[in-house]
Structures are given as C-alpha cells and as structure tokens.
Amino acid sequence: MQRRTEQGFDEITFIYQLAKNPEIRQQITLEYGLKTGDEVKQEVQKLTNTATPGFDPEAFLQELGVPTPEKKSTQPTTIQDLKNLTRSLLSK
C-alpha cells in the first residue's frame, strides 16, 4: 500500500513538473488542439457580445410550442441569443 502511494505521488510530481514547463505545455496544446487561455477568453467574449445571424427568439419559441407569431427559427448559439430569448420570454 505504501509503495503504491509513493508511486502515485511520483506520478503526480512528474505531471506537475510537465505542467510547470511552458514549452511542454505549448507543445501539448499544439499537438492535441487544446486552446490557450487567451483563445478561450476571446471565444467567451465573442459568445457574450455577438448574436447568431438569423436567430429569432419568437420563431424559436413558436417551434417549442409557446404561442407566438409564426416564423422559421434558428436555434440560439450565443449568450446574446439567450439574452434575447430571455427578454422575449419575460415580455410575455
């Protein structure tokens, strides 16, 4: 049991050393398609401040069965779409 625990600590130490090395982190990020912190921040910013072209909260609600004027919908894909959908729901 003690030997297994020590092996676990050794593995954790090794992984921590890899994570602390910026060159290794960058290589892993590039090879496995992981996003950097800046890329994630940019995507969050984009999702927060933009709306999907063609998204119509009224048409989306109509497809869900909420009584609204009939329109064809595009599903919400950004935070702004969800804000618009929420406003539409609250205005009813």
C-alpha atoms as a PDB file:
ATOM      1  CA  MET A   1       0.000   0.000   0.000  1.00  0.00           C
ATOM      2  CA  GLN A   2       2.828   2.392   0.895  1.00  0.00           C
ATOM      3  CA  ARG A   3       4.664   1.581  -2.348  1.00  0.00           C
ATOM      4  CA  ARG A   4       1.516   2.315  -4.387  1.00  0.00           C
ATOM      5  CA  THR A   5       1.030   5.594  -2.546  1.00  0.00           C
ATOM      6  CA  GLU A   6       4.644   6.582  -3.250  1.00  0.00           C
ATOM      7  CA  GLN A   7       4.215   5.681  -6.923  1.00  0.00           C
ATOM      8  CA  GLY A   8       1.101   7.859  -7.035  1.00  0.00           C
ATOM      9  CA  PHE A   9       2.995  10.774  -5.517  1.00  0.00           C
ATOM     10  CA  ASP A  10       5.820  10.254  -8.022  1.00  0.00           C
ATOM     11  CA  GLU A  11       3.342  10.359 -10.903  1.00  0.00           C
ATOM     12  CA  ILE A  12       1.715  13.490  -9.542  1.00  0.00           C
ATOM     13  CA  THR A  13       5.116  15.138  -9.128  1.00  0.00           C
ATOM     14  CA  PHE A  14       6.048  14.218 -12.720  1.00  0.00           C
ATOM     15  CA  ILE A  15       2.782  15.601 -14.111  1.00  0.00           C
ATOM     16  CA  TYR A  16       3.206  18.790 -12.077  1.00  0.00           C
ATOM     17  CA  GLN A  17       6.728  19.256 -13.474  1.00  0.00           C
ATOM     18  CA  LEU A  18       5.400  18.840 -17.010  1.00  0.00           C
ATOM     19  CA  ALA A  19       2.621  21.337 -16.365  1.00  0.00           C
ATOM     20  CA  LYS A  20       5.051  23.924 -14.985  1.00  0.00           C
ATOM     21  CA  ASN A  21       7.236  23.805 -18.108  1.00  0.00           C
ATOM     22  CA  PRO A  22       5.862  26.381 -20.605  1.00  0.00           C
ATOM     23  CA  GLU A  23       7.497  24.689 -23.617  1.00  0.00           C
ATOM     24  CA  ILE A  24       5.901  21.348 -22.806  1.00  0.00           C
ATOM     25  CA  ARG A  25       2.515  22.996 -22.164  1.00  0.00           C
ATOM     26  CA  GLN A  26       2.707  24.759 -25.523  1.00  0.00           C
ATOM     27  CA  GLN A  27       3.694  21.542 -27.314  1.00  0.00           C
ATOM     28  CA  ILE A  28       0.809  19.606 -25.724  1.00  0.00           C
ATOM     29  CA  THR A  29      -1.578  22.427 -26.569  1.00  0.00           C
ATOM     30  CA  LEU A  30      -0.499  22.477 -30.213  1.00  0.00           C
ATOM     31  CA  GLU A  31      -0.405  18.700 -30.690  1.00  0.00           C
ATOM     32  CA  TYR A  32      -3.758  17.956 -29.072  1.00  0.00           C
ATOM     33  CA  GLY A  33      -5.659  21.004 -30.297  1.00  0.00           C
ATOM     34  CA  LEU A  34      -6.200  22.409 -26.828  1.00  0.00           C
ATOM     35  CA  LYS A  35      -6.949  26.103 -26.584  1.00  0.00           C
ATOM     36  CA  THR A  36      -4.838  28.580 -24.709  1.00  0.00           C
ATOM     37  CA  GLY A  37      -6.299  30.815 -22.028  1.00  0.00           C
ATOM     38  CA  ASP A  38      -6.288  33.780 -24.409  1.00  0.00           C
ATOM     39  CA  GLU A  39      -8.138  31.807 -27.101  1.00  0.00           C
ATOM     40  CA  VAL A  40     -10.770  30.733 -24.589  1.00  0.00           C
ATOM     41  CA  LYS A  41     -11.171  34.340 -23.387  1.00  0.00           C
ATOM     42  CA  GLN A  42     -11.621  35.528 -26.988  1.00  0.00           C
ATOM     43  CA  GLU A  43     -14.275  32.878 -27.661  1.00  0.00           C
ATOM     44  CA  VAL A  44     -16.141  33.725 -24.458  1.00  0.00           C
ATOM     45  CA  GLN A  45     -16.005  37.416 -25.377  1.00  0.00           C
ATOM     46  CA  LYS A  46     -17.360  36.617 -28.846  1.00  0.00           C
ATOM     47  CA  LEU A  47     -20.188  34.453 -27.462  1.00  0.00           C
ATOM     48  CA  THR A  48     -21.052  37.122 -24.928  1.00  0.00           C
ATOM     49  CA  ASN A  49     -21.160  40.082 -27.300  1.00  0.00           C
ATOM     50  CA  THR A  50     -22.482  38.680 -30.572  1.00  0.00           C
ATOM     51  CA  ALA A  51     -25.730  37.203 -31.761  1.00  0.00           C
ATOM     52  CA  THR A  52     -26.232  34.487 -34.348  1.00  0.00           C
ATOM     53  CA  PRO A  53     -27.346  35.892 -37.708  1.00  0.00           C
ATOM     54  CA  GLY A  54     -30.906  34.834 -38.336  1.00  0.00           C
ATOM     55  CA  PHE A  55     -31.716  33.875 -34.741  1.00  0.00           C
ATOM     56  CA  ASP A  56     -35.278  34.890 -33.990  1.00  0.00           C
ATOM     57  CA  PRO A  57     -36.430  34.271 -30.428  1.00  0.00           C
ATOM     58  CA  GLU A  58     -40.099  34.442 -31.470  1.00  0.00           C
ATOM     59  CA  ALA A  59     -39.689  31.739 -34.112  1.00  0.00           C
ATOM     60  CA  PHE A  60     -37.681  29.574 -31.731  1.00  0.00           C
ATOM     61  CA  LEU A  61     -40.388  29.845 -29.070  1.00  0.00           C
ATOM     62  CA  GLN A  62     -43.042  29.055 -31.641  1.00  0.00           C
ATOM     63  CA  GLU A  63     -41.249  25.815 -32.536  1.00  0.00           C
ATOM     64  CA  LEU A  64     -41.177  24.924 -28.845  1.00  0.00           C
ATOM     65  CA  GLY A  65     -44.931  25.308 -28.714  1.00  0.00           C
ATOM     66  CA  VAL A  66     -45.069  28.699 -26.998  1.00  0.00           C
ATOM     67  CA  PRO A  67     -47.785  30.736 -28.754  1.00  0.00           C
ATOM     68  CA  THR A  68     -46.047  33.344 -30.919  1.00  0.00           C
ATOM     69  CA  PRO A  69     -46.439  34.766 -34.409  1.00  0.00           C
ATOM     70  CA  GLU A  70     -45.329  32.110 -36.914  1.00  0.00           C
ATOM     71  CA  LYS A  71     -41.728  32.422 -38.146  1.00  0.00           C
ATOM     72  CA  LYS A  72     -38.961  29.962 -39.078  1.00  0.00           C
ATOM     73  CA  SER A  73     -36.312  29.715 -36.373  1.00  0.00           C
ATOM     74  CA  THR A  74     -32.595  29.378 -35.929  1.00  0.00           C
ATOM     75  CA  GLN A  75     -31.544  27.824 -32.634  1.00  0.00           C
ATOM     76  CA  PRO A  76     -29.739  30.050 -30.094  1.00  0.00           C
ATOM     77  CA  THR A  77     -25.979  29.510 -30.089  1.00  0.00           C
ATOM     78  CA  THR A  78     -24.536  32.505 -28.265  1.00  0.00           C
ATOM     79  CA  ILE A  79     -25.044  34.199 -24.928  1.00  0.00           C
ATOM     80  CA  GLN A  80     -26.593  37.193 -26.692  1.00  0.00           C
ATOM     81  CA  ASP A  81     -29.123  34.832 -28.299  1.00  0.00           C
ATOM     82  CA  LEU A  82     -30.035  33.523 -24.853  1.00  0.00           C
ATOM     83  CA  LYS A  83     -30.339  37.085 -23.532  1.00  0.00           C
ATOM     84  CA  ASN A  84     -32.700  37.915 -26.411  1.00  0.00           C
ATOM     85  CA  LEU A  85     -34.668  34.723 -25.751  1.00  0.00           C
ATOM     86  CA  THR A  86     -34.933  35.553 -22.048  1.00  0.00           C
ATOM     87  CA  ARG A  87     -36.123  39.084 -22.804  1.00  0.00           C
ATOM     88  CA  SER A  88     -38.728  37.664 -25.154  1.00  0.00           C
ATOM     89  CA  LEU A  89     -39.938  35.188 -22.530  1.00  0.00           C
ATOM     90  CA  LEU A  90     -40.106  37.844 -19.823  1.00  0.00           C
ATOM     91  CA  SER A  91     -42.000  40.245 -22.044  1.00  0.00           C
ATOM     92  CA  LYS A  92     -44.891  37.758 -22.370  1.00  0.00           C
END
